[in-house]
């Protein structure tokens, strides 16, 4: 109930401020639970991905530091987020999202690169999808990178790719690396389809701040 209410509020605000949100290839989204993966470039990524995927409801991974603030913790829990200690993930980082996919029939949104400034794939998304027997849907967001840049009314575009089944058999390092390469190829193709000249340029200052705190 709260998720749906918040979705309508945020969608209305973004329409008033920006008015140029676009969704491409939405027909690629499965009817049942799935794992949505995308490069993490801005805190607006999950907002636009969730809006573009409506009426699917998501559970989210969020860094545990965000849950220290009581108000933020209440809001995150209400929208389906759960905390993950990125330095020491623990079994719950896998069990909680698998349970949400299998028992609660929610989709899972996860950014396999982990950080907005990292290009390295993480195996968590692949393992979760495999255990939950859920397809992986690659996606890409191109558009404003901050709240204030929304007022420039430049297009905010989300494009979905075709679902990909997680690898069969044992998840060896080689299998994970091969599948990670496959996901990266999907991301590159989605970016190219949106805008062949697009190039993501991270904020170096924020990258150094995250690296200092062990978040990269």
N, C-alpha and C. Protein backbone atom coordinates (compact mmCIF):
# COMPACT_ATOMS: atom_id res chain seq x y z
N UNK A 1 0.84 -1.20 0.00
CA UNK A 1 0.00 0.00 0.00
C UNK A 1 0.88 1.26 0.00
N UNK A 2 1.84 1.33 0.94
CA UNK A 2 2.71 2.50 1.02
C UNK A 2 3.57 2.63 -0.23
N UNK A 3 4.05 1.49 -0.74
CA UNK A 3 4.88 1.49 -1.96
C UNK A 3 4.10 2.12 -3.11
N UNK A 4 2.84 1.71 -3.28
CA UNK A 4 2.02 2.24 -4.37
C UNK A 4 1.75 3.72 -4.18
N UNK A 5 1.44 4.11 -2.94
CA UNK A 5 1.17 5.52 -2.64
C UNK A 5 2.39 6.38 -2.96
N UNK A 6 3.55 5.92 -2.50
CA UNK A 6 4.78 6.69 -2.72
C UNK A 6 5.12 6.75 -4.20
N UNK A 7 4.84 5.69 -4.92
CA UNK A 7 5.12 5.67 -6.35
C UNK A 7 4.35 6.76 -7.07
N UNK A 8 3.07 6.91 -6.75
CA UNK A 8 2.26 7.94 -7.41
C UNK A 8 2.74 9.35 -7.04
N UNK A 9 3.13 9.54 -5.80
CA UNK A 9 3.63 10.85 -5.36
C UNK A 9 4.91 11.22 -6.11
N UNK A 10 5.87 10.28 -6.14
CA UNK A 10 7.15 10.55 -6.78
C UNK A 10 6.98 10.72 -8.29
N UNK A 11 6.14 9.87 -8.90
CA UNK A 11 5.91 9.98 -10.34
C UNK A 11 5.32 11.35 -10.68
N UNK A 12 4.39 11.83 -9.85
CA UNK A 12 3.80 13.14 -10.10
C UNK A 12 4.80 14.27 -9.97
N UNK A 13 5.66 14.19 -8.95
CA UNK A 13 6.67 15.23 -8.74
C UNK A 13 7.66 15.27 -9.90
N UNK A 14 8.11 14.09 -10.33
CA UNK A 14 9.07 14.04 -11.42
C UNK A 14 8.45 14.55 -12.72
N UNK A 15 7.19 14.22 -12.94
CA UNK A 15 6.51 14.72 -14.14
C UNK A 15 6.43 16.25 -14.12
N UNK A 16 6.13 16.83 -12.95
CA UNK A 16 6.05 18.29 -12.84
C UNK A 16 7.41 18.94 -13.03
N UNK A 17 8.45 18.33 -12.45
CA UNK A 17 9.78 18.93 -12.48
C UNK A 17 10.48 18.71 -13.81
N UNK A 18 10.40 17.45 -14.29
CA UNK A 18 11.18 17.08 -15.47
C UNK A 18 10.30 16.91 -16.71
N UNK A 19 9.29 16.10 -16.61
CA UNK A 19 8.34 15.94 -17.69
C UNK A 19 8.84 15.21 -18.92
N UNK A 20 10.04 14.61 -18.84
CA UNK A 20 10.60 13.96 -20.02
C UNK A 20 11.09 12.55 -19.71
N UNK A 21 10.40 11.84 -18.84
CA UNK A 21 10.77 10.46 -18.53
C UNK A 21 10.28 9.53 -19.64
N UNK A 22 11.15 8.63 -20.08
CA UNK A 22 10.81 7.70 -21.15
C UNK A 22 11.16 6.28 -20.73
N UNK A 23 10.31 5.34 -21.12
CA UNK A 23 10.57 3.92 -20.87
C UNK A 23 10.61 3.19 -22.20
N UNK A 24 11.66 2.41 -22.41
CA UNK A 24 11.83 1.68 -23.67
C UNK A 24 11.88 0.18 -23.41
N UNK A 25 11.20 -0.58 -24.25
CA UNK A 25 11.23 -2.05 -24.19
C UNK A 25 10.62 -2.61 -22.90
N UNK A 26 9.59 -1.99 -22.38
CA UNK A 26 8.98 -2.49 -21.15
C UNK A 26 8.40 -3.88 -21.32
N UNK A 27 8.07 -4.25 -22.56
CA UNK A 27 7.49 -5.56 -22.82
C UNK A 27 8.46 -6.70 -22.49
N UNK A 28 9.72 -6.37 -22.26
CA UNK A 28 10.71 -7.38 -21.90
C UNK A 28 10.55 -7.86 -20.46
N UNK A 29 9.85 -7.12 -19.62
CA UNK A 29 9.71 -7.50 -18.21
C UNK A 29 8.82 -8.73 -18.07
N UNK A 30 9.29 -9.76 -17.36
CA UNK A 30 8.48 -10.97 -17.15
C UNK A 30 7.28 -10.66 -16.25
N UNK A 31 6.28 -11.54 -16.31
CA UNK A 31 5.12 -11.36 -15.44
C UNK A 31 5.44 -11.73 -14.00
N UNK A 32 6.25 -12.75 -13.80
CA UNK A 32 6.60 -13.19 -12.45
C UNK A 32 7.82 -12.48 -11.90
N UNK A 33 8.31 -12.92 -10.73
CA UNK A 33 9.49 -12.31 -10.11
C UNK A 33 10.72 -12.39 -11.01
N UNK A 34 11.56 -11.39 -10.93
CA UNK A 34 12.79 -11.36 -11.71
C UNK A 34 13.80 -10.49 -10.97
N UNK A 35 15.05 -10.58 -11.38
CA UNK A 35 16.12 -9.76 -10.82
C UNK A 35 16.48 -8.71 -11.85
N UNK A 36 16.25 -7.45 -11.51
CA UNK A 36 16.56 -6.34 -12.40
C UNK A 36 17.96 -5.83 -12.06
N UNK A 37 18.84 -5.81 -13.04
CA UNK A 37 20.22 -5.37 -12.81
C UNK A 37 20.54 -4.21 -13.75
N UNK A 38 21.33 -3.28 -13.25
CA UNK A 38 21.70 -2.11 -14.05
C UNK A 38 22.98 -1.50 -13.51
N UNK A 39 23.71 -0.76 -14.33
CA UNK A 39 24.87 -0.01 -13.82
C UNK A 39 24.38 1.06 -12.83
N UNK A 40 25.13 1.27 -11.78
CA UNK A 40 24.75 2.26 -10.77
C UNK A 40 25.52 3.56 -11.02
N UNK A 41 24.80 4.59 -11.50
CA UNK A 41 25.45 5.83 -11.89
C UNK A 41 25.04 7.03 -11.05
N UNK A 42 23.88 6.96 -10.43
CA UNK A 42 23.36 8.07 -9.64
C UNK A 42 22.33 7.53 -8.67
N UNK A 43 22.05 8.27 -7.60
CA UNK A 43 21.02 7.82 -6.66
C UNK A 43 19.64 7.84 -7.31
N UNK A 44 19.51 8.47 -8.49
CA UNK A 44 18.24 8.48 -9.21
C UNK A 44 17.98 7.18 -9.97
N UNK A 45 19.00 6.35 -10.16
CA UNK A 45 18.83 5.07 -10.86
C UNK A 45 17.64 4.27 -10.32
N UNK A 46 17.64 3.93 -9.02
CA UNK A 46 16.54 3.10 -8.53
C UNK A 46 15.18 3.77 -8.63
N UNK A 47 15.14 5.09 -8.53
CA UNK A 47 13.87 5.81 -8.64
C UNK A 47 13.26 5.63 -10.02
N UNK A 48 14.04 5.92 -11.06
CA UNK A 48 13.52 5.82 -12.42
C UNK A 48 13.30 4.37 -12.86
N UNK A 49 14.14 3.47 -12.40
CA UNK A 49 13.94 2.06 -12.73
C UNK A 49 12.65 1.53 -12.11
N UNK A 50 12.40 1.91 -10.87
CA UNK A 50 11.17 1.46 -10.20
C UNK A 50 9.94 2.05 -10.87
N UNK A 51 10.00 3.32 -11.23
CA UNK A 51 8.87 3.96 -11.90
C UNK A 51 8.61 3.32 -13.26
N UNK A 52 9.68 3.05 -13.99
CA UNK A 52 9.54 2.47 -15.33
C UNK A 52 9.01 1.04 -15.28
N UNK A 53 9.24 0.35 -14.17
CA UNK A 53 8.84 -1.06 -14.05
C UNK A 53 7.44 -1.25 -13.50
N UNK A 54 6.77 -0.18 -13.13
CA UNK A 54 5.43 -0.29 -12.54
C UNK A 54 4.52 -1.12 -13.45
N UNK A 55 3.69 -2.05 -12.88
CA UNK A 55 3.28 -2.19 -11.48
C UNK A 55 4.09 -3.19 -10.67
N UNK A 56 5.26 -3.60 -11.14
CA UNK A 56 6.08 -4.52 -10.34
C UNK A 56 6.53 -3.84 -9.05
N UNK A 57 6.51 -4.59 -7.97
CA UNK A 57 7.03 -4.12 -6.68
C UNK A 57 8.41 -4.74 -6.46
N UNK A 58 9.31 -3.95 -5.91
CA UNK A 58 10.69 -4.41 -5.73
C UNK A 58 11.09 -4.49 -4.26
N UNK A 59 12.02 -5.38 -4.01
CA UNK A 59 12.82 -5.29 -2.80
C UNK A 59 14.19 -4.77 -3.24
N UNK A 60 14.89 -4.09 -2.35
CA UNK A 60 16.14 -3.41 -2.69
C UNK A 60 17.22 -3.76 -1.68
N UNK A 61 18.43 -3.84 -2.15
CA UNK A 61 19.58 -3.87 -1.25
C UNK A 61 20.01 -2.43 -1.00
N UNK A 62 20.30 -2.09 0.24
CA UNK A 62 20.80 -0.75 0.57
C UNK A 62 21.91 -0.89 1.60
N UNK A 63 22.92 -0.04 1.49
CA UNK A 63 24.03 -0.15 2.43
C UNK A 63 23.56 0.10 3.85
N UNK A 64 24.09 -0.65 4.79
CA UNK A 64 23.61 -0.64 6.17
C UNK A 64 23.72 0.73 6.83
N UNK A 65 24.65 1.57 6.35
CA UNK A 65 24.82 2.90 6.96
C UNK A 65 23.55 3.74 6.84
N UNK A 66 22.78 3.51 5.79
CA UNK A 66 21.57 4.31 5.58
C UNK A 66 20.51 4.02 6.64
N UNK A 67 20.59 2.86 7.29
CA UNK A 67 19.58 2.46 8.26
C UNK A 67 19.86 3.00 9.66
N UNK A 68 20.94 3.74 9.82
CA UNK A 68 21.27 4.28 11.14
C UNK A 68 20.33 5.42 11.54
N UNK A 69 19.85 6.16 10.55
CA UNK A 69 18.89 7.22 10.81
C UNK A 69 17.50 6.61 10.94
N UNK A 70 16.80 6.82 12.08
CA UNK A 70 15.49 6.19 12.32
C UNK A 70 14.47 6.51 11.23
N UNK A 71 14.41 7.76 10.81
CA UNK A 71 13.44 8.15 9.79
C UNK A 71 13.76 7.50 8.45
N UNK A 72 15.04 7.51 8.09
CA UNK A 72 15.45 6.88 6.85
C UNK A 72 15.22 5.38 6.90
N UNK A 73 15.49 4.77 8.07
CA UNK A 73 15.27 3.32 8.21
C UNK A 73 13.80 2.98 8.02
N UNK A 74 12.91 3.78 8.63
CA UNK A 74 11.47 3.54 8.49
C UNK A 74 11.05 3.61 7.03
N UNK A 75 11.55 4.63 6.31
CA UNK A 75 11.19 4.81 4.91
C UNK A 75 11.72 3.67 4.05
N UNK A 76 12.98 3.28 4.27
CA UNK A 76 13.58 2.22 3.48
C UNK A 76 12.85 0.90 3.67
N UNK A 77 12.51 0.59 4.91
CA UNK A 77 11.78 -0.65 5.18
C UNK A 77 10.41 -0.63 4.50
N UNK A 78 9.76 0.51 4.53
CA UNK A 78 8.43 0.65 3.92
C UNK A 78 8.45 0.41 2.41
N UNK A 79 9.54 0.80 1.76
CA UNK A 79 9.61 0.62 0.31
C UNK A 79 10.27 -0.70 -0.09
N UNK A 80 10.56 -1.55 0.91
CA UNK A 80 11.06 -2.88 0.60
C UNK A 80 12.56 -3.04 0.62
N UNK A 81 13.28 -2.07 1.18
CA UNK A 81 14.75 -2.17 1.23
C UNK A 81 15.19 -2.98 2.45
N UNK A 82 16.34 -3.60 2.35
CA UNK A 82 16.92 -4.31 3.48
C UNK A 82 18.41 -4.00 3.53
N UNK A 83 18.98 -3.94 4.76
CA UNK A 83 20.38 -3.50 4.90
C UNK A 83 21.38 -4.59 4.55
N UNK A 84 22.49 -4.16 3.95
CA UNK A 84 23.60 -5.06 3.65
C UNK A 84 24.90 -4.36 4.04
N UNK A 85 25.68 -5.04 4.86
CA UNK A 85 27.01 -4.54 5.21
C UNK A 85 27.95 -4.91 4.07
N UNK A 86 28.33 -3.93 3.25
CA UNK A 86 29.10 -4.23 2.05
C UNK A 86 30.51 -4.73 2.36
N UNK A 87 31.01 -4.39 3.54
CA UNK A 87 32.34 -4.89 3.92
C UNK A 87 32.25 -6.34 4.39
N UNK A 88 31.15 -6.69 5.08
CA UNK A 88 30.94 -8.04 5.60
C UNK A 88 29.50 -8.44 5.33
N UNK A 89 29.17 -8.84 4.10
CA UNK A 89 27.78 -9.08 3.71
C UNK A 89 27.02 -10.09 4.56
N UNK A 90 27.58 -11.26 4.83
CA UNK A 90 26.90 -12.27 5.62
C UNK A 90 25.83 -13.00 4.82
N UNK A 91 25.32 -14.13 5.36
CA UNK A 91 24.33 -14.96 4.66
C UNK A 91 23.02 -14.24 4.35
N UNK A 92 22.61 -13.29 5.20
CA UNK A 92 21.33 -12.61 4.99
C UNK A 92 21.30 -11.82 3.68
N UNK A 93 22.48 -11.41 3.20
CA UNK A 93 22.53 -10.66 1.94
C UNK A 93 22.05 -11.50 0.77
N UNK A 94 22.06 -12.82 0.93
CA UNK A 94 21.57 -13.73 -0.09
C UNK A 94 20.18 -14.26 0.29
N UNK A 95 20.01 -14.66 1.54
CA UNK A 95 18.76 -15.30 1.97
C UNK A 95 17.56 -14.36 1.89
N UNK A 96 17.72 -13.11 2.30
CA UNK A 96 16.59 -12.18 2.31
C UNK A 96 16.03 -11.93 0.91
N UNK A 97 16.87 -11.57 -0.07
CA UNK A 97 16.32 -11.35 -1.41
C UNK A 97 15.78 -12.61 -2.07
N UNK A 98 16.40 -13.77 -1.79
CA UNK A 98 15.89 -15.02 -2.36
C UNK A 98 14.50 -15.30 -1.82
N UNK A 99 14.31 -15.07 -0.52
CA UNK A 99 12.99 -15.28 0.08
C UNK A 99 11.96 -14.31 -0.50
N UNK A 100 12.37 -13.06 -0.75
CA UNK A 100 11.44 -12.07 -1.32
C UNK A 100 11.01 -12.48 -2.73
N UNK A 101 11.94 -13.05 -3.49
CA UNK A 101 11.62 -13.50 -4.84
C UNK A 101 10.72 -14.73 -4.84
N UNK A 102 11.04 -15.71 -3.98
CA UNK A 102 10.34 -16.98 -4.01
C UNK A 102 9.02 -16.96 -3.23
N UNK A 103 9.03 -16.32 -2.06
CA UNK A 103 7.86 -16.39 -1.17
C UNK A 103 6.95 -15.17 -1.28
N UNK A 104 7.57 -14.00 -1.44
CA UNK A 104 6.78 -12.76 -1.49
C UNK A 104 6.45 -12.35 -2.93
N UNK A 105 7.05 -13.05 -3.89
CA UNK A 105 6.81 -12.80 -5.32
C UNK A 105 7.09 -11.35 -5.71
N UNK A 106 8.10 -10.78 -5.08
CA UNK A 106 8.56 -9.44 -5.46
C UNK A 106 9.71 -9.56 -6.44
N UNK A 107 9.88 -8.55 -7.26
CA UNK A 107 11.09 -8.47 -8.07
C UNK A 107 12.20 -7.90 -7.19
N UNK A 108 13.43 -8.13 -7.59
CA UNK A 108 14.58 -7.60 -6.86
C UNK A 108 15.36 -6.67 -7.76
N UNK A 109 15.69 -5.48 -7.25
CA UNK A 109 16.54 -4.56 -7.99
C UNK A 109 17.92 -4.56 -7.33
N UNK A 110 18.93 -4.78 -8.14
CA UNK A 110 20.28 -4.84 -7.60
C UNK A 110 21.26 -4.27 -8.62
N UNK A 111 22.26 -3.57 -8.12
CA UNK A 111 23.27 -2.98 -9.00
C UNK A 111 24.54 -3.81 -8.84
N UNK A 112 24.83 -4.70 -9.81
CA UNK A 112 25.93 -5.65 -9.64
C UNK A 112 27.30 -5.02 -9.57
N UNK A 113 27.43 -3.77 -9.99
CA UNK A 113 28.73 -3.11 -9.85
C UNK A 113 28.96 -2.63 -8.43
N UNK A 114 27.91 -2.64 -7.59
CA UNK A 114 28.05 -2.29 -6.18
C UNK A 114 28.10 -0.80 -5.93
N UNK A 115 29.05 -0.12 -6.53
CA UNK A 115 29.24 1.32 -6.34
C UNK A 115 28.93 2.07 -7.63
N UNK A 116 28.60 3.35 -7.49
CA UNK A 116 28.37 4.17 -8.67
C UNK A 116 29.65 4.38 -9.47
N UNK A 117 30.79 4.07 -8.87
CA UNK A 117 32.06 4.38 -9.52
C UNK A 117 32.88 3.14 -9.83
N UNK A 118 32.28 1.98 -9.68
CA UNK A 118 32.99 0.73 -9.94
C UNK A 118 32.49 0.10 -11.23
N UNK A 119 33.39 -0.48 -11.99
CA UNK A 119 33.02 -1.18 -13.22
C UNK A 119 33.08 -2.69 -13.02
N UNK A 120 33.46 -3.15 -11.81
CA UNK A 120 33.60 -4.58 -11.55
C UNK A 120 32.25 -5.20 -11.21
N UNK A 121 31.97 -6.35 -11.80
CA UNK A 121 30.74 -7.06 -11.52
C UNK A 121 30.87 -7.81 -10.18
N UNK A 122 29.78 -7.93 -9.50
CA UNK A 122 29.72 -8.71 -8.28
C UNK A 122 28.87 -9.95 -8.54
N UNK A 123 29.23 -11.08 -7.88
CA UNK A 123 28.52 -12.33 -8.13
C UNK A 123 27.21 -12.46 -7.40
N UNK A 124 26.88 -11.54 -6.49
CA UNK A 124 25.68 -11.67 -5.68
C UNK A 124 24.40 -11.74 -6.48
N UNK A 125 24.26 -10.88 -7.48
CA UNK A 125 23.03 -10.86 -8.28
C UNK A 125 22.84 -12.18 -9.02
N UNK A 126 23.94 -12.74 -9.51
CA UNK A 126 23.87 -14.00 -10.25
C UNK A 126 23.49 -15.14 -9.32
N UNK A 127 24.11 -15.19 -8.14
CA UNK A 127 23.82 -16.26 -7.18
C UNK A 127 22.37 -16.18 -6.70
N UNK A 128 21.89 -14.99 -6.41
CA UNK A 128 20.51 -14.81 -5.95
C UNK A 128 19.52 -15.28 -7.00
N UNK A 129 19.75 -14.88 -8.24
CA UNK A 129 18.86 -15.28 -9.33
C UNK A 129 18.86 -16.79 -9.51
N UNK A 130 20.02 -17.40 -9.39
CA UNK A 130 20.15 -18.84 -9.55
C UNK A 130 19.40 -19.58 -8.45
N UNK A 131 19.58 -19.17 -7.20
CA UNK A 131 18.91 -19.83 -6.07
C UNK A 131 17.40 -19.64 -6.11
N UNK A 132 16.95 -18.48 -6.58
CA UNK A 132 15.52 -18.20 -6.65
C UNK A 132 14.90 -18.70 -7.95
N UNK A 133 15.73 -19.19 -8.87
CA UNK A 133 15.28 -19.64 -10.19
C UNK A 133 14.50 -18.54 -10.90
N UNK A 134 15.08 -17.34 -10.86
CA UNK A 134 14.45 -16.16 -11.45
C UNK A 134 15.30 -15.63 -12.59
N UNK A 135 14.67 -15.15 -13.66
CA UNK A 135 15.44 -14.57 -14.77
C UNK A 135 16.07 -13.24 -14.36
N UNK A 136 17.14 -12.88 -15.03
CA UNK A 136 17.82 -11.61 -14.82
C UNK A 136 17.48 -10.69 -15.98
N UNK A 137 17.00 -9.49 -15.66
CA UNK A 137 16.65 -8.51 -16.70
C UNK A 137 17.65 -7.36 -16.63
N UNK A 138 18.48 -7.19 -17.65
CA UNK A 138 19.41 -6.05 -17.67
C UNK A 138 18.68 -4.77 -18.04
N UNK A 139 19.11 -3.65 -17.49
CA UNK A 139 18.50 -2.36 -17.78
C UNK A 139 19.57 -1.28 -17.74
N UNK A 140 19.27 -0.14 -18.31
CA UNK A 140 20.20 0.99 -18.29
C UNK A 140 19.40 2.28 -18.15
N UNK A 141 19.95 3.20 -17.37
CA UNK A 141 19.35 4.53 -17.20
C UNK A 141 20.31 5.58 -17.73
N UNK A 142 19.80 6.48 -18.53
CA UNK A 142 20.55 7.65 -18.97
C UNK A 142 19.68 8.87 -18.70
N UNK A 143 20.27 9.87 -18.05
CA UNK A 143 19.49 11.07 -17.76
C UNK A 143 20.10 11.89 -16.66
N UNK A 144 19.33 12.77 -16.04
CA UNK A 144 19.84 13.62 -14.97
C UNK A 144 20.48 12.80 -13.86
N UNK A 145 21.56 13.35 -13.30
CA UNK A 145 22.27 12.63 -12.26
C UNK A 145 22.05 13.16 -10.86
N UNK A 146 21.33 14.26 -10.75
CA UNK A 146 21.05 14.84 -9.43
C UNK A 146 19.65 15.44 -9.44
N UNK A 147 19.13 15.71 -8.26
CA UNK A 147 17.78 16.26 -8.15
C UNK A 147 17.67 17.59 -8.89
N UNK A 148 18.65 18.46 -8.70
CA UNK A 148 18.55 19.79 -9.31
C UNK A 148 18.67 19.73 -10.83
N UNK A 149 19.38 18.73 -11.35
CA UNK A 149 19.49 18.63 -12.80
C UNK A 149 18.18 18.18 -13.46
N UNK A 150 17.25 17.67 -12.66
CA UNK A 150 15.94 17.33 -13.20
C UNK A 150 15.23 18.56 -13.75
N UNK A 151 15.50 19.72 -13.14
CA UNK A 151 14.84 20.95 -13.55
C UNK A 151 15.27 21.42 -14.94
N UNK A 152 16.38 20.87 -15.44
CA UNK A 152 16.82 21.23 -16.79
C UNK A 152 15.94 20.57 -17.85
N UNK A 153 15.08 19.64 -17.40
CA UNK A 153 14.09 18.99 -18.25
C UNK A 153 14.70 18.26 -19.44
N UNK A 154 15.87 17.68 -19.21
CA UNK A 154 16.46 16.82 -20.22
C UNK A 154 15.87 15.42 -20.07
N UNK A 155 15.82 14.63 -21.14
CA UNK A 155 15.21 13.31 -21.08
C UNK A 155 15.84 12.40 -20.02
N UNK A 156 15.00 11.66 -19.34
CA UNK A 156 15.43 10.62 -18.40
C UNK A 156 14.92 9.31 -18.97
N UNK A 157 15.83 8.47 -19.44
CA UNK A 157 15.44 7.29 -20.23
C UNK A 157 15.86 6.00 -19.53
N UNK A 158 14.91 5.08 -19.43
CA UNK A 158 15.18 3.72 -18.93
C UNK A 158 14.89 2.76 -20.07
N UNK A 159 15.83 1.88 -20.35
CA UNK A 159 15.64 0.87 -21.39
C UNK A 159 15.88 -0.52 -20.80
N UNK A 160 14.97 -1.45 -21.07
CA UNK A 160 15.08 -2.82 -20.57
C UNK A 160 15.57 -3.74 -21.68
N UNK A 161 16.37 -4.72 -21.28
CA UNK A 161 16.84 -5.72 -22.21
C UNK A 161 16.07 -7.02 -22.06
N UNK A 162 16.37 -7.99 -22.91
CA UNK A 162 15.70 -9.29 -22.85
C UNK A 162 16.15 -10.05 -21.60
N UNK A 163 15.23 -10.77 -20.95
CA UNK A 163 15.60 -11.57 -19.77
C UNK A 163 16.69 -12.58 -20.10
N UNK A 164 17.58 -12.80 -19.15
CA UNK A 164 18.67 -13.75 -19.30
C UNK A 164 18.58 -14.77 -18.16
N UNK A 165 18.62 -16.04 -18.48
CA UNK A 165 18.58 -17.06 -17.45
C UNK A 165 19.94 -17.15 -16.76
N UNK A 166 19.96 -17.31 -15.43
CA UNK A 166 21.25 -17.46 -14.73
C UNK A 166 21.97 -18.71 -15.21
N UNK A 167 23.29 -18.75 -15.08
CA UNK A 167 24.06 -19.89 -15.58
C UNK A 167 23.69 -21.19 -14.87
N UNK A 168 23.72 -22.27 -15.59
CA UNK A 168 23.44 -23.58 -15.02
C UNK A 168 24.72 -24.18 -14.48
N UNK A 169 24.57 -25.16 -13.60
CA UNK A 169 25.74 -25.83 -13.05
C UNK A 169 26.39 -25.02 -11.93
N UNK A 170 27.58 -25.44 -11.55
CA UNK A 170 28.29 -24.82 -10.44
C UNK A 170 28.80 -23.43 -10.83
N UNK A 171 28.66 -22.49 -9.88
CA UNK A 171 29.12 -21.12 -10.13
C UNK A 171 30.60 -21.00 -9.80
N UNK A 172 31.40 -21.45 -10.71
CA UNK A 172 32.85 -21.32 -10.54
C UNK A 172 33.26 -19.88 -10.84
N UNK A 173 34.48 -19.55 -10.52
CA UNK A 173 34.99 -18.21 -10.83
C UNK A 173 34.92 -17.95 -12.34
N UNK A 174 35.21 -18.99 -13.11
CA UNK A 174 35.17 -18.84 -14.56
C UNK A 174 33.75 -18.60 -15.06
N UNK A 175 32.78 -19.32 -14.47
CA UNK A 175 31.38 -19.16 -14.88
C UNK A 175 30.87 -17.77 -14.50
N UNK A 176 31.25 -17.31 -13.31
CA UNK A 176 30.83 -15.97 -12.87
C UNK A 176 31.44 -14.90 -13.77
N UNK A 177 32.70 -15.06 -14.10
CA UNK A 177 33.38 -14.07 -14.95
C UNK A 177 32.74 -14.03 -16.33
N UNK A 178 32.42 -15.20 -16.88
CA UNK A 178 31.81 -15.26 -18.21
C UNK A 178 30.43 -14.61 -18.21
N UNK A 179 29.66 -14.88 -17.16
CA UNK A 179 28.31 -14.30 -17.10
C UNK A 179 28.37 -12.80 -16.83
N UNK A 180 29.33 -12.38 -16.04
CA UNK A 180 29.51 -10.96 -15.79
C UNK A 180 29.84 -10.23 -17.09
N UNK A 181 30.69 -10.85 -17.90
CA UNK A 181 31.01 -10.26 -19.21
C UNK A 181 29.75 -10.17 -20.08
N UNK A 182 28.91 -11.19 -19.99
CA UNK A 182 27.67 -11.20 -20.76
C UNK A 182 26.75 -10.06 -20.33
N UNK A 183 26.65 -9.85 -19.01
CA UNK A 183 25.83 -8.75 -18.50
C UNK A 183 26.39 -7.40 -18.96
N UNK A 184 27.71 -7.27 -18.91
CA UNK A 184 28.32 -6.00 -19.34
C UNK A 184 28.04 -5.74 -20.81
N UNK A 185 28.07 -6.78 -21.62
CA UNK A 185 27.73 -6.62 -23.03
C UNK A 185 26.30 -6.14 -23.21
N UNK A 186 25.40 -6.67 -22.37
CA UNK A 186 24.01 -6.21 -22.40
C UNK A 186 23.90 -4.75 -22.03
N UNK A 187 24.61 -4.33 -20.98
CA UNK A 187 24.58 -2.92 -20.57
C UNK A 187 25.09 -2.03 -21.70
N UNK A 188 26.19 -2.45 -22.31
CA UNK A 188 26.76 -1.65 -23.41
C UNK A 188 25.77 -1.52 -24.57
N UNK A 189 25.09 -2.62 -24.88
CA UNK A 189 24.14 -2.61 -25.99
C UNK A 189 22.94 -1.71 -25.66
N UNK A 190 22.48 -1.74 -24.42
CA UNK A 190 21.35 -0.89 -24.02
C UNK A 190 21.74 0.58 -24.09
N UNK A 191 22.92 0.91 -23.58
CA UNK A 191 23.39 2.29 -23.65
C UNK A 191 23.49 2.76 -25.10
N UNK A 192 24.02 1.89 -25.96
CA UNK A 192 24.18 2.25 -27.37
C UNK A 192 22.83 2.46 -28.04
N UNK A 193 21.85 1.63 -27.68
CA UNK A 193 20.51 1.75 -28.27
C UNK A 193 19.83 3.05 -27.86
N UNK A 194 20.09 3.49 -26.63
CA UNK A 194 19.50 4.75 -26.17
C UNK A 194 20.18 5.93 -26.86
N UNK A 195 21.51 5.90 -26.82
CA UNK A 195 22.30 6.98 -27.40
C UNK A 195 23.69 6.46 -27.76
N UNK A 196 23.99 6.28 -29.04
CA UNK A 196 25.28 5.73 -29.45
C UNK A 196 26.48 6.55 -28.97
N UNK A 197 26.26 7.81 -28.65
CA UNK A 197 27.37 8.67 -28.24
C UNK A 197 27.47 8.82 -26.72
N UNK A 198 26.63 8.08 -25.99
CA UNK A 198 26.63 8.22 -24.52
C UNK A 198 27.92 7.68 -23.91
N UNK A 199 28.43 8.40 -22.94
CA UNK A 199 29.59 7.96 -22.19
C UNK A 199 29.43 8.40 -20.74
N UNK A 200 29.45 7.43 -19.84
CA UNK A 200 29.29 7.74 -18.42
C UNK A 200 30.61 8.25 -17.84
N UNK A 201 30.55 9.42 -17.22
CA UNK A 201 31.73 10.02 -16.60
C UNK A 201 31.44 10.19 -15.11
N UNK A 202 32.06 9.38 -14.23
CA UNK A 202 31.78 9.46 -12.80
C UNK A 202 32.37 10.72 -12.18
N UNK A 203 31.81 11.09 -11.04
CA UNK A 203 32.30 12.22 -10.27
C UNK A 203 33.55 11.76 -9.51
N UNK A 204 34.72 12.25 -9.89
CA UNK A 204 35.97 11.79 -9.28
C UNK A 204 36.05 12.10 -7.79
N UNK A 205 35.52 13.24 -7.38
CA UNK A 205 35.57 13.61 -5.97
C UNK A 205 34.77 12.62 -5.14
N UNK A 206 33.57 12.29 -5.61
CA UNK A 206 32.74 11.33 -4.88
C UNK A 206 33.37 9.94 -4.90
N UNK A 207 34.03 9.61 -6.01
CA UNK A 207 34.70 8.32 -6.10
C UNK A 207 35.78 8.21 -5.01
N UNK A 208 36.58 9.26 -4.85
CA UNK A 208 37.65 9.24 -3.86
C UNK A 208 37.07 9.18 -2.45
N UNK A 209 35.94 9.85 -2.22
CA UNK A 209 35.30 9.81 -0.90
C UNK A 209 34.81 8.40 -0.59
N UNK A 210 34.19 7.75 -1.55
CA UNK A 210 33.71 6.39 -1.33
C UNK A 210 34.86 5.42 -1.16
N UNK A 211 35.93 5.63 -1.93
CA UNK A 211 37.09 4.75 -1.81
C UNK A 211 37.72 4.87 -0.43
N UNK A 212 37.77 6.09 0.10
CA UNK A 212 38.34 6.33 1.42
C UNK A 212 37.54 5.59 2.50
N UNK A 213 36.21 5.48 2.29
CA UNK A 213 35.37 4.82 3.27
C UNK A 213 35.13 3.34 2.94
N UNK A 214 35.90 2.83 1.98
CA UNK A 214 35.81 1.42 1.64
C UNK A 214 34.54 1.02 0.95
N UNK A 215 33.91 1.93 0.21
CA UNK A 215 32.66 1.65 -0.45
C UNK A 215 32.83 1.34 -1.94
N UNK A 216 34.03 1.37 -2.44
CA UNK A 216 34.27 1.09 -3.85
C UNK A 216 34.91 -0.29 -4.00
